[in-house]
PDB file of all heavy atoms in Angstrom:
ATOM      1  N   PRO A   1       3.370  -5.654  -3.511  1.00  0.00           N
ATOM      2  CA  PRO A   1       3.029  -4.764  -2.398  1.00  0.00           C
ATOM      3  C   PRO A   1       4.241  -4.201  -1.667  1.00  0.00           C
ATOM      4  O   PRO A   1       4.085  -3.328  -0.807  1.00  0.00           O
ATOM      5  CB  PRO A   1       2.225  -5.679  -1.470  1.00  0.00           C
ATOM      6  CG  PRO A   1       2.806  -7.037  -1.710  1.00  0.00           C
ATOM      7  CD  PRO A   1       3.116  -7.077  -3.185  1.00  0.00           C
ATOM      8  N   ASP A   2       5.431  -4.665  -2.015  1.00  0.00           N
ATOM      9  CA  ASP A   2       6.642  -4.313  -1.270  1.00  0.00           C
ATOM     10  C   ASP A   2       6.828  -2.809  -1.036  1.00  0.00           C
ATOM     11  O   ASP A   2       7.150  -2.407   0.097  1.00  0.00           O
ATOM     12  CB  ASP A   2       7.881  -4.877  -1.967  1.00  0.00           C
ATOM     13  CG  ASP A   2       7.797  -6.377  -2.213  1.00  0.00           C
ATOM     14  OD1 ASP A   2       6.673  -6.888  -2.419  1.00  0.00           O
ATOM     15  OD2 ASP A   2       8.837  -7.042  -2.233  1.00  0.00           O
ATOM     16  N   PRO A   3       6.667  -1.949  -2.060  1.00  0.00           N
ATOM     17  CA  PRO A   3       6.876  -0.509  -1.811  1.00  0.00           C
ATOM     18  C   PRO A   3       5.886   0.062  -0.804  1.00  0.00           C
ATOM     19  O   PRO A   3       6.256   0.921   0.013  1.00  0.00           O
ATOM     20  CB  PRO A   3       6.690   0.116  -3.194  1.00  0.00           C
ATOM     21  CG  PRO A   3       6.889  -0.991  -4.170  1.00  0.00           C
ATOM     22  CD  PRO A   3       6.376  -2.213  -3.478  1.00  0.00           C
ATOM     23  N   LEU A   4       4.639  -0.398  -0.855  1.00  0.00           N
ATOM     24  CA  LEU A   4       3.635   0.101   0.073  1.00  0.00           C
ATOM     25  C   LEU A   4       3.905  -0.385   1.493  1.00  0.00           C
ATOM     26  O   LEU A   4       3.758   0.374   2.457  1.00  0.00           O
ATOM     27  CB  LEU A   4       2.250  -0.349  -0.385  1.00  0.00           C
ATOM     28  CG  LEU A   4       1.748   0.345  -1.657  1.00  0.00           C
ATOM     29  CD1 LEU A   4       0.550  -0.393  -2.223  1.00  0.00           C
ATOM     30  CD2 LEU A   4       1.405   1.789  -1.380  1.00  0.00           C
ATOM     31  N   LEU A   5       4.313  -1.621   1.612  1.00  0.00           N
ATOM     32  CA  LEU A   5       4.641  -2.145   2.941  1.00  0.00           C
ATOM     33  C   LEU A   5       5.886  -1.456   3.498  1.00  0.00           C
ATOM     34  O   LEU A   5       5.981  -1.209   4.708  1.00  0.00           O
ATOM     35  CB  LEU A   5       4.848  -3.657   2.858  1.00  0.00           C
ATOM     36  CG  LEU A   5       3.597  -4.464   2.480  1.00  0.00           C
ATOM     37  CD1 LEU A   5       3.938  -5.937   2.315  1.00  0.00           C
ATOM     38  CD2 LEU A   5       2.496  -4.283   3.519  1.00  0.00           C
ATOM     39  N   HIS A   6       6.824  -1.121   2.607  1.00  0.00           N
ATOM     40  CA  HIS A   6       8.015  -0.384   3.037  1.00  0.00           C
ATOM     41  C   HIS A   6       7.628   1.007   3.540  1.00  0.00           C
ATOM     42  O   HIS A   6       8.156   1.472   4.563  1.00  0.00           O
ATOM     43  CB  HIS A   6       8.996  -0.267   1.872  1.00  0.00           C
ATOM     44  CG  HIS A   6      10.261   0.448   2.214  1.00  0.00           C
ATOM     45  ND1 HIS A   6      11.222  -0.092   3.042  1.00  0.00           N
ATOM     46  CD2 HIS A   6      10.736   1.677   1.850  1.00  0.00           C
ATOM     47  CE1 HIS A   6      12.226   0.752   3.168  1.00  0.00           C
ATOM     48  NE2 HIS A   6      11.951   1.843   2.459  1.00  0.00           N
ATOM     49  N   ALA A   7       6.709   1.663   2.843  1.00  0.00           N
ATOM     50  CA  ALA A   7       6.242   2.980   3.277  1.00  0.00           C
ATOM     51  C   ALA A   7       5.604   2.893   4.663  1.00  0.00           C
ATOM     52  O   ALA A   7       5.834   3.747   5.522  1.00  0.00           O
ATOM     53  CB  ALA A   7       5.236   3.539   2.268  1.00  0.00           C
ATOM     54  N   CYS A   8       4.818   1.850   4.890  1.00  0.00           N
ATOM     55  CA  CYS A   8       4.184   1.671   6.192  1.00  0.00           C
ATOM     56  C   CYS A   8       5.220   1.429   7.284  1.00  0.00           C
ATOM     57  O   CYS A   8       5.082   1.927   8.406  1.00  0.00           O
ATOM     58  CB  CYS A   8       3.195   0.508   6.139  1.00  0.00           C
ATOM     59  SG  CYS A   8       1.713   0.862   5.170  1.00  0.00           S
ATOM     60  N   LYS A   9       6.256   0.687   6.949  1.00  0.00           N
ATOM     61  CA  LYS A   9       7.313   0.434   7.930  1.00  0.00           C
ATOM     62  C   LYS A   9       8.041   1.724   8.276  1.00  0.00           C
ATOM     63  O   LYS A   9       8.333   1.992   9.451  1.00  0.00           O
ATOM     64  CB  LYS A   9       8.290  -0.594   7.367  1.00  0.00           C
ATOM     65  CG  LYS A   9       9.388  -0.992   8.345  1.00  0.00           C
ATOM     66  CD  LYS A   9      10.287  -2.071   7.745  1.00  0.00           C
ATOM     67  CE  LYS A   9      11.382  -2.470   8.738  1.00  0.00           C
ATOM     68  NZ  LYS A   9      12.272  -3.526   8.171  1.00  0.00           N
ATOM     69  N   LEU A  10       8.323   2.548   7.248  1.00  0.00           N
ATOM     70  CA  LEU A  10       9.019   3.816   7.473  1.00  0.00           C
ATOM     71  C   LEU A  10       8.224   4.735   8.394  1.00  0.00           C
ATOM     72  O   LEU A  10       8.790   5.412   9.254  1.00  0.00           O
ATOM     73  CB  LEU A  10       9.269   4.526   6.143  1.00  0.00           C
ATOM     74  CG  LEU A  10      10.332   3.953   5.201  1.00  0.00           C
ATOM     75  CD1 LEU A  10      10.340   4.725   3.895  1.00  0.00           C
ATOM     76  CD2 LEU A  10      11.717   4.013   5.855  1.00  0.00           C
ATOM     77  N   ALA A  11       6.912   4.775   8.178  1.00  0.00           N
ATOM     78  CA  ALA A  11       6.060   5.725   8.901  1.00  0.00           C
ATOM     79  C   ALA A  11       5.310   5.086  10.061  1.00  0.00           C
ATOM     80  O   ALA A  11       4.471   5.750  10.688  1.00  0.00           O
ATOM     81  CB  ALA A  11       5.066   6.355   7.927  1.00  0.00           C
ATOM     82  N   THR A  12       5.600   3.827  10.363  1.00  0.00           N
ATOM     83  CA  THR A  12       4.937   3.088  11.448  1.00  0.00           C
ATOM     84  C   THR A  12       3.420   3.134  11.277  1.00  0.00           C
ATOM     85  O   THR A  12       2.675   3.603  12.144  1.00  0.00           O
ATOM     86  CB  THR A  12       5.331   3.660  12.825  1.00  0.00           C
ATOM     87  OG1 THR A  12       6.736   3.941  12.853  1.00  0.00           O
ATOM     88  CG2 THR A  12       5.033   2.657  13.920  1.00  0.00           C
ATOM     89  N   LEU A  13       2.978   2.637  10.127  1.00  0.00           N
ATOM     90  CA  LEU A  13       1.563   2.630   9.792  1.00  0.00           C
ATOM     91  C   LEU A  13       1.045   1.196   9.740  1.00  0.00           C
ATOM     92  O   LEU A  13       1.772   0.269   9.389  1.00  0.00           O
ATOM     93  CB  LEU A  13       1.329   3.287   8.430  1.00  0.00           C
ATOM     94  CG  LEU A  13       1.747   4.744   8.262  1.00  0.00           C
ATOM     95  CD1 LEU A  13       1.657   5.143   6.792  1.00  0.00           C
ATOM     96  CD2 LEU A  13       0.872   5.656   9.118  1.00  0.00           C
ATOM     97  N   ASP A  14      -0.224   1.034  10.053  1.00  0.00           N
ATOM     98  CA  ASP A  14      -0.911  -0.235   9.880  1.00  0.00           C
ATOM     99  C   ASP A  14      -1.492  -0.237   8.467  1.00  0.00           C
ATOM    100  O   ASP A  14      -2.366   0.583   8.160  1.00  0.00           O
ATOM    101  CB  ASP A  14      -2.028  -0.356  10.922  1.00  0.00           C
ATOM    102  CG  ASP A  14      -2.827  -1.642  10.769  1.00  0.00           C
ATOM    103  OD1 ASP A  14      -2.633  -2.379   9.779  1.00  0.00           O
ATOM    104  OD2 ASP A  14      -3.685  -1.886  11.636  1.00  0.00           O
ATOM    105  N   PRO A  15      -1.037  -1.125   7.570  1.00  0.00           N
ATOM    106  CA  PRO A  15      -1.543  -1.120   6.190  1.00  0.00           C
ATOM    107  C   PRO A  15      -3.064  -1.197   6.098  1.00  0.00           C
ATOM    108  O   PRO A  15      -3.660  -0.580   5.211  1.00  0.00           O
ATOM    109  CB  PRO A  15      -0.888  -2.359   5.563  1.00  0.00           C
ATOM    110  CG  PRO A  15       0.359  -2.561   6.353  1.00  0.00           C
ATOM    111  CD  PRO A  15       0.004  -2.156   7.758  1.00  0.00           C
ATOM    112  N   SER A  16      -3.690  -1.922   7.021  1.00  0.00           N
ATOM    113  CA  SER A  16      -5.145  -2.068   6.968  1.00  0.00           C
ATOM    114  C   SER A  16      -5.868  -0.765   7.284  1.00  0.00           C
ATOM    115  O   SER A  16      -7.071  -0.647   7.033  1.00  0.00           O
ATOM    116  CB  SER A  16      -5.602  -3.161   7.938  1.00  0.00           C
ATOM    117  OG  SER A  16      -5.407  -2.762   9.279  1.00  0.00           O
ATOM    118  N   ARG A  17      -5.141   0.195   7.804  1.00  0.00           N
ATOM    119  CA  ARG A  17      -5.726   1.505   8.100  1.00  0.00           C
ATOM    120  C   ARG A  17      -5.210   2.587   7.150  1.00  0.00           C
ATOM    121  O   ARG A  17      -5.220   3.770   7.473  1.00  0.00           O
ATOM    122  CB  ARG A  17      -5.452   1.890   9.558  1.00  0.00           C
ATOM    123  CG  ARG A  17      -6.156   0.982  10.563  1.00  0.00           C
ATOM    124  CD  ARG A  17      -5.914   1.422  11.988  1.00  0.00           C
ATOM    125  NE  ARG A  17      -6.358   2.795  12.235  1.00  0.00           N
ATOM    126  CZ  ARG A  17      -7.603   3.168  12.472  1.00  0.00           C
ATOM    127  NH1 ARG A  17      -8.557   2.258  12.494  1.00  0.00           N
ATOM    128  NH2 ARG A  17      -7.912   4.420  12.704  1.00  0.00           N
ATOM    129  N   CYS A  18      -4.767   2.138   5.980  1.00  0.00           N
ATOM    130  CA  CYS A  18      -4.270   3.069   4.958  1.00  0.00           C
ATOM    131  C   CYS A  18      -5.100   2.953   3.680  1.00  0.00           C
ATOM    132  O   CYS A  18      -5.701   1.915   3.399  1.00  0.00           O
ATOM    133  CB  CYS A  18      -2.809   2.783   4.626  1.00  0.00           C
ATOM    134  SG  CYS A  18      -1.674   3.058   5.996  1.00  0.00           S
ATOM    135  N   ILE A  19      -5.095   4.018   2.918  1.00  0.00           N
ATOM    136  CA  ILE A  19      -5.747   4.064   1.611  1.00  0.00           C
ATOM    137  C   ILE A  19      -4.669   4.328   0.569  1.00  0.00           C
ATOM    138  O   ILE A  19      -3.810   5.193   0.775  1.00  0.00           O
ATOM    139  CB  ILE A  19      -6.811   5.180   1.552  1.00  0.00           C
ATOM    140  CG1 ILE A  19      -7.937   4.908   2.555  1.00  0.00           C
ATOM    141  CG2 ILE A  19      -7.379   5.319   0.143  1.00  0.00           C
ATOM    142  CD1 ILE A  19      -8.886   6.085   2.717  1.00  0.00           C
ATOM    143  N   TYR A  20      -4.701   3.574  -0.525  1.00  0.00           N
ATOM    144  CA  TYR A  20      -3.765   3.835  -1.619  1.00  0.00           C
ATOM    145  C   TYR A  20      -4.549   4.280  -2.844  1.00  0.00           C
ATOM    146  O   TYR A  20      -5.545   3.661  -3.225  1.00  0.00           O
ATOM    147  CB  TYR A  20      -2.929   2.603  -1.959  1.00  0.00           C
ATOM    148  CG  TYR A  20      -1.825   2.920  -2.949  1.00  0.00           C
ATOM    149  CD1 TYR A  20      -0.947   3.972  -2.722  1.00  0.00           C
ATOM    150  CD2 TYR A  20      -1.663   2.190  -4.113  1.00  0.00           C
ATOM    151  CE1 TYR A  20       0.057   4.288  -3.617  1.00  0.00           C
ATOM    152  CE2 TYR A  20      -0.648   2.479  -5.015  1.00  0.00           C
ATOM    153  CZ  TYR A  20       0.202   3.529  -4.765  1.00  0.00           C
ATOM    154  OH  TYR A  20       1.197   3.845  -5.662  1.00  0.00           O
ATOM    155  N   VAL A  21      -4.060   5.358  -3.465  1.00  0.00           N
ATOM    156  CA  VAL A  21      -4.737   5.962  -4.614  1.00  0.00           C
ATOM    157  C   VAL A  21      -3.814   5.873  -5.826  1.00  0.00           C
ATOM    158  O   VAL A  21      -2.648   6.284  -5.755  1.00  0.00           O
ATOM    159  CB  VAL A  21      -5.087   7.445  -4.340  1.00  0.00           C
ATOM    160  CG1 VAL A  21      -6.001   7.974  -5.449  1.00  0.00           C
ATOM    161  CG2 VAL A  21      -5.723   7.609  -2.971  1.00  0.00           C
ATOM    162  N   GLY A  22      -4.326   5.338  -6.929  1.00  0.00           N
ATOM    163  CA  GLY A  22      -3.501   5.224  -8.129  1.00  0.00           C
ATOM    164  C   GLY A  22      -4.327   5.235  -9.397  1.00  0.00           C
ATOM    165  O   GLY A  22      -5.546   5.036  -9.366  1.00  0.00           O
ATOM    166  N   ASP A  23      -3.646   5.469 -10.518  1.00  0.00           N
ATOM    167  CA  ASP A  23      -4.339   5.584 -11.806  1.00  0.00           C
ATOM    168  C   ASP A  23      -4.018   4.433 -12.749  1.00  0.00           C
ATOM    169  O   ASP A  23      -4.256   4.533 -13.951  1.00  0.00           O
ATOM    170  CB  ASP A  23      -3.982   6.912 -12.485  1.00  0.00           C
ATOM    171  CG  ASP A  23      -2.539   6.962 -12.945  1.00  0.00           C
ATOM    172  OD1 ASP A  23      -1.651   6.498 -12.198  1.00  0.00           O
ATOM    173  OD2 ASP A  23      -2.286   7.452 -14.065  1.00  0.00           O
ATOM    174  N   ASP A  24      -3.465   3.337 -12.219  1.00  0.00           N
ATOM    175  CA  ASP A  24      -3.131   2.175 -13.033  1.00  0.00           C
ATOM    176  C   ASP A  24      -3.526   0.916 -12.283  1.00  0.00           C
ATOM    177  O   ASP A  24      -3.513   0.901 -11.047  1.00  0.00           O
ATOM    178  CB  ASP A  24      -1.629   2.158 -13.347  1.00  0.00           C
ATOM    179  CG  ASP A  24      -1.269   1.147 -14.411  1.00  0.00           C
ATOM    180  OD1 ASP A  24      -1.102  -0.044 -14.075  1.00  0.00           O
ATOM    181  OD2 ASP A  24      -1.159   1.527 -15.594  1.00  0.00           O
ATOM    182  N   ILE A  25      -3.845  -0.132 -13.017  1.00  0.00           N
ATOM    183  CA  ILE A  25      -4.279  -1.371 -12.380  1.00  0.00           C
ATOM    184  C   ILE A  25      -3.207  -1.931 -11.445  1.00  0.00           C
ATOM    185  O   ILE A  25      -3.513  -2.538 -10.422  1.00  0.00           O
ATOM    186  CB  ILE A  25      -4.697  -2.418 -13.436  1.00  0.00           C
ATOM    187  CG1 ILE A  25      -5.357  -3.622 -12.757  1.00  0.00           C
ATOM    188  CG2 ILE A  25      -3.517  -2.823 -14.305  1.00  0.00           C
ATOM    189  CD1 ILE A  25      -5.984  -4.591 -13.732  1.00  0.00           C
ATOM    190  N   ARG A  26      -1.941  -1.703 -11.764  1.00  0.00           N
ATOM    191  CA  ARG A  26      -0.882  -2.225 -10.876  1.00  0.00           C
ATOM    192  C   ARG A  26      -0.919  -1.531  -9.514  1.00  0.00           C
ATOM    193  O   ARG A  26      -0.531  -2.128  -8.503  1.00  0.00           O
ATOM    194  CB  ARG A  26       0.498  -2.069 -11.515  1.00  0.00           C
ATOM    195  CG  ARG A  26       0.972  -0.656 -11.694  1.00  0.00           C
ATOM    196  CD  ARG A  26       2.415  -0.591 -12.154  1.00  0.00           C
ATOM    197  NE  ARG A  26       2.703   0.747 -12.628  1.00  0.00           N
ATOM    198  CZ  ARG A  26       2.607   1.114 -13.910  1.00  0.00           C
ATOM    199  NH1 ARG A  26       2.267   0.228 -14.822  1.00  0.00           N
ATOM    200  NH2 ARG A  26       2.854   2.351 -14.273  1.00  0.00           N
ATOM    201  N   ASP A  27      -1.400  -0.276  -9.473  1.00  0.00           N
ATOM    202  CA  ASP A  27      -1.543   0.410  -8.192  1.00  0.00           C
ATOM    203  C   ASP A  27      -2.588  -0.281  -7.330  1.00  0.00           C
ATOM    204  O   ASP A  27      -2.391  -0.472  -6.120  1.00  0.00           O
ATOM    205  CB  ASP A  27      -1.952   1.869  -8.419  1.00  0.00           C
ATOM    206  CG  ASP A  27      -0.929   2.650  -9.211  1.00  0.00           C
ATOM    207  OD1 ASP A  27       0.273   2.433  -8.999  1.00  0.00           O
ATOM    208  OD2 ASP A  27      -1.334   3.461 -10.061  1.00  0.00           O
ATOM    209  N   ILE A  28      -3.681  -0.629  -7.947  1.00  0.00           N
ATOM    210  CA  ILE A  28      -4.762  -1.274  -7.213  1.00  0.00           C
ATOM    211  C   ILE A  28      -4.346  -2.673  -6.767  1.00  0.00           C
ATOM    212  O   ILE A  28      -4.615  -3.091  -5.632  1.00  0.00           O
ATOM    213  CB  ILE A  28      -6.038  -1.346  -8.087  1.00  0.00           C
ATOM    214  CG1 ILE A  28      -6.411   0.066  -8.582  1.00  0.00           C
ATOM    215  CG2 ILE A  28      -7.179  -1.965  -7.300  1.00  0.00           C
ATOM    216  CD1 ILE A  28      -6.528   1.118  -7.491  1.00  0.00           C
ATOM    217  N   LYS A  29      -3.664  -3.406  -7.635  1.00  0.00           N
ATOM    218  CA  LYS A  29      -3.172  -4.735  -7.259  1.00  0.00           C
ATOM    219  C   LYS A  29      -2.207  -4.648  -6.082  1.00  0.00           C
ATOM    220  O   LYS A  29      -2.285  -5.446  -5.141  1.00  0.00           O
ATOM    221  CB  LYS A  29      -2.477  -5.390  -8.457  1.00  0.00           C
ATOM    222  CG  LYS A  29      -3.420  -5.859  -9.549  1.00  0.00           C
ATOM    223  CD  LYS A  29      -2.648  -6.533 -10.680  1.00  0.00           C
ATOM    224  CE  LYS A  29      -3.583  -7.096 -11.730  1.00  0.00           C
ATOM    225  NZ  LYS A  29      -2.852  -7.744 -12.851  1.00  0.00           N
ATOM    226  N   ALA A  30      -1.295  -3.680  -6.133  1.00  0.00           N
ATOM    227  CA  ALA A  30      -0.325  -3.516  -5.052  1.00  0.00           C
ATOM    228  C   ALA A  30      -1.020  -3.142  -3.749  1.00  0.00           C
ATOM    229  O   ALA A  30      -0.703  -3.678  -2.677  1.00  0.00           O
ATOM    230  CB  ALA A  30       0.707  -2.461  -5.426  1.00  0.00           C
ATOM    231  N   GLY A  31      -1.950  -2.211  -3.821  1.00  0.00           N
ATOM    232  CA  GLY A  31      -2.662  -1.784  -2.626  1.00  0.00           C
ATOM    233  C   GLY A  31      -3.452  -2.907  -1.986  1.00  0.00           C
ATOM    234  O   GLY A  31      -3.429  -3.090  -0.763  1.00  0.00           O
ATOM    235  N   LYS A  32      -4.161  -3.673  -2.811  1.00  0.00           N
ATOM    236  CA  LYS A  32      -4.945  -4.780  -2.278  1.00  0.00           C
ATOM    237  C   LYS A  32      -4.038  -5.848  -1.684  1.00  0.00           C
ATOM    238  O   LYS A  32      -4.339  -6.428  -0.628  1.00  0.00           O
ATOM    239  CB  LYS A  32      -5.831  -5.356  -3.380  1.00  0.00           C
ATOM    240  CG  LYS A  32      -6.949  -4.416  -3.836  1.00  0.00           C
ATOM    241  CD  LYS A  32      -7.686  -4.956  -5.029  1.00  0.00           C
ATOM    242  CE  LYS A  32      -8.603  -6.093  -4.645  1.00  0.00           C
ATOM    243  NZ  LYS A  32      -9.737  -5.619  -3.811  1.00  0.00           N
ATOM    244  N   ALA A  33      -2.911  -6.121  -2.360  1.00  0.00           N
ATOM    245  CA  ALA A  33      -1.977  -7.130  -1.842  1.00  0.00           C
ATOM    246  C   ALA A  33      -1.358  -6.699  -0.523  1.00  0.00           C
ATOM    247  O   ALA A  33      -0.983  -7.542   0.301  1.00  0.00           O
ATOM    248  CB  ALA A  33      -0.879  -7.401  -2.870  1.00  0.00           C
ATOM    249  N   ALA A  34      -1.252  -5.384  -0.320  1.00  0.00           N
ATOM    250  CA  ALA A  34      -0.712  -4.862   0.945  1.00  0.00           C
ATOM    251  C   ALA A  34      -1.767  -4.799   2.045  1.00  0.00           C
ATOM    252  O   ALA A  34      -1.452  -4.461   3.182  1.00  0.00           O
ATOM    253  CB  ALA A  34      -0.120  -3.471   0.720  1.00  0.00           C
ATOM    254  N   GLY A  35      -3.020  -5.089   1.693  1.00  0.00           N
ATOM    255  CA  GLY A  35      -4.084  -5.059   2.682  1.00  0.00           C
ATOM    256  C   GLY A  35      -4.692  -3.688   2.886  1.00  0.00           C
ATOM    257  O   GLY A  35      -5.325  -3.429   3.912  1.00  0.00           O
TER     258      GLY A  35
END
């Protein structure tokens, strides 16, 4: 989840209020792990 959490830190976002969209299972795993 590190890249997604880094993006949230850069943009001052709450991960639980974000949606991640991807076309590979690793995208979904990363998004879920980031909350």
